[in-house]
Protein backbone atom coordinates (compact mmCIF):
# COMPACT_ATOMS: atom_id res chain seq x y z
CA MET A 1 0.28 -0.22 0.17
CA THR A 2 0.88 3.64 -0.30
CA GLU A 3 0.76 6.44 2.28
CA ASN A 4 -2.11 7.76 0.40
CA ASP A 5 -3.88 4.71 0.59
CA ASP A 6 -2.89 4.77 4.46
CA ARG A 7 -4.60 7.82 4.64
CA LEU A 8 -7.40 7.13 3.04
CA ILE A 9 -8.29 4.36 5.65
CA GLU A 10 -7.39 6.27 8.30
CA GLN A 11 -9.83 8.60 7.45
CA PHE A 12 -12.40 6.41 7.22
CA LEU A 13 -11.79 4.82 10.03
CA ALA A 14 -11.65 7.89 12.00
CA PRO A 15 -15.41 8.70 13.04
CA GLY A 16 -16.63 5.34 14.17
CA ARG A 17 -12.85 4.85 16.32
CA ARG A 18 -13.99 4.62 20.23
CA GLU A 19 -11.55 3.74 22.94
CA VAL A 20 -12.53 0.87 25.40
CA ALA A 21 -12.03 1.08 28.94
CA ASP A 22 -9.72 -1.80 29.93
CA ASN A 23 -10.19 -1.47 33.54
CA GLY A 24 -7.22 -4.30 34.14
CA PHE A 25 -8.29 -6.49 32.04
CA THR A 26 -4.66 -6.64 29.88
CA ARG A 27 -2.66 -6.85 33.21
CA ARG A 28 -5.01 -10.21 34.25
CA VAL A 29 -4.55 -12.00 30.81
CA MET A 30 -1.03 -11.24 30.78
CA ASN A 31 -0.93 -12.89 34.34
CA ARG A 32 -3.36 -15.59 33.48
CA LEU A 33 -0.37 -16.79 30.09
CA PRO A 34 2.41 -19.71 30.97
CA ARG A 35 5.39 -18.78 32.07
CA ARG A 36 7.60 -18.45 28.32
CA SER A 37 10.62 -20.32 30.51
CA ASN A 38 11.81 -23.61 29.32
CA ARG A 39 13.15 -25.55 31.59
CA LEU A 40 14.17 -28.68 29.39
CA ALA A 41 16.30 -26.28 27.40
CA GLU A 42 18.00 -24.96 31.17
CA VAL A 43 18.42 -28.83 31.91
CA TRP A 44 20.43 -29.39 28.78
CA THR A 45 22.34 -26.01 28.48
CA TRP A 46 23.78 -26.66 32.07
CA SER A 47 24.09 -30.21 31.52
CA GLY A 48 26.23 -29.72 28.57
CA PHE A 49 28.53 -26.15 30.53
CA ALA A 50 28.79 -29.21 33.29
CA LEU A 51 30.40 -31.70 30.97
CA ALA A 52 32.40 -29.76 29.51
CA LEU A 53 34.08 -28.38 32.45
CA ALA A 54 34.36 -31.49 34.02
CA LEU A 55 35.96 -33.03 30.52
CA PHE A 56 38.15 -29.65 30.07
CA ILE A 57 39.44 -30.00 33.70
CA ALA A 58 39.62 -34.06 33.13
CA LEU A 59 42.05 -33.66 30.06
CA ASP A 60 43.82 -31.16 31.66
CA GLY A 61 42.40 -27.89 28.73
CA ALA A 62 44.43 -25.69 30.52
CA SER A 63 47.72 -27.39 29.94
CA LEU A 64 47.12 -28.27 26.50
CA ILE A 65 46.28 -24.87 25.69
CA TRP A 66 48.93 -23.14 27.23
CA ASP A 67 51.53 -25.94 25.04
CA ALA A 68 49.80 -24.77 21.83
CA LEU A 69 50.30 -21.14 22.92
CA ARG A 70 54.05 -21.01 23.55
CA GLU A 71 54.47 -23.22 20.61
CA ALA A 72 53.32 -20.89 18.41
CA PHE A 73 55.59 -18.54 20.09
CA HIS A 74 58.59 -20.31 19.75
CA SER A 75 58.17 -21.36 15.95
CA MET A 76 57.19 -17.16 15.57
CA ILE A 77 60.66 -16.71 16.97
CA GLU A 78 62.35 -19.77 15.31
CA GLN A 79 60.90 -18.14 12.18
CA GLY A 80 62.13 -15.02 12.70
CA MET A 81 58.56 -13.39 11.91
CA ALA A 82 59.12 -12.13 16.07
CA SER A 83 61.09 -8.71 14.57
CA ASN A 84 58.42 -7.97 12.15
CA VAL A 85 55.32 -8.16 14.63
CA ASP A 86 54.68 -5.33 17.59
CA PRO A 87 54.20 -6.89 20.79
CA LYS A 88 51.36 -4.56 21.21
CA SER A 89 49.18 -5.60 18.31
CA LEU A 90 49.81 -9.24 19.52
CA LEU A 91 48.27 -7.87 22.66
CA ILE A 92 44.93 -6.03 21.23
CA ALA A 93 44.66 -9.59 18.90
CA GLY A 94 44.92 -11.38 22.24
CA VAL A 95 41.71 -9.48 23.77
CA VAL A 96 40.20 -9.27 20.67
CA LEU A 97 40.01 -12.90 20.70
CA LEU A 98 39.26 -13.46 24.54
CA PHE A 99 36.12 -10.58 23.95
CA LEU A 100 34.64 -12.36 20.92
CA ALA A 101 34.76 -16.19 23.25
CA TYR A 102 33.36 -14.87 25.83
CA LYS A 103 30.07 -13.09 23.69
CA LYS A 104 30.50 -16.28 21.85
CA ILE A 105 29.87 -18.26 25.31
CA ALA A 106 27.70 -15.92 26.45
CA SER A 107 25.26 -16.28 24.21
CA LEU A 108 24.94 -19.82 24.18
CA ALA A 109 24.24 -19.76 27.63
């Protein structure tokens, strides 16, 4: 529809428009609606998080991550790239990656 059609419809309906008293009807209806929380989805989410945390601890994930980062840093130094890379740039890239990881984890919860 165009704006002209919208105006014509509004002008046609305007004379018969009456406001209906609510008298708390909307509030009563909203209070009687079932809650939207889905308990099963929450249980699965927290169960998955707990399982991931348990596996991270059981498989020594912190050590694996630390070793991978150390190997990457050593290989970067051995390749001679360390002289071309600014440490501030590496720090900024690390902070950005941590922020993105946090946002991804927070969106899953």
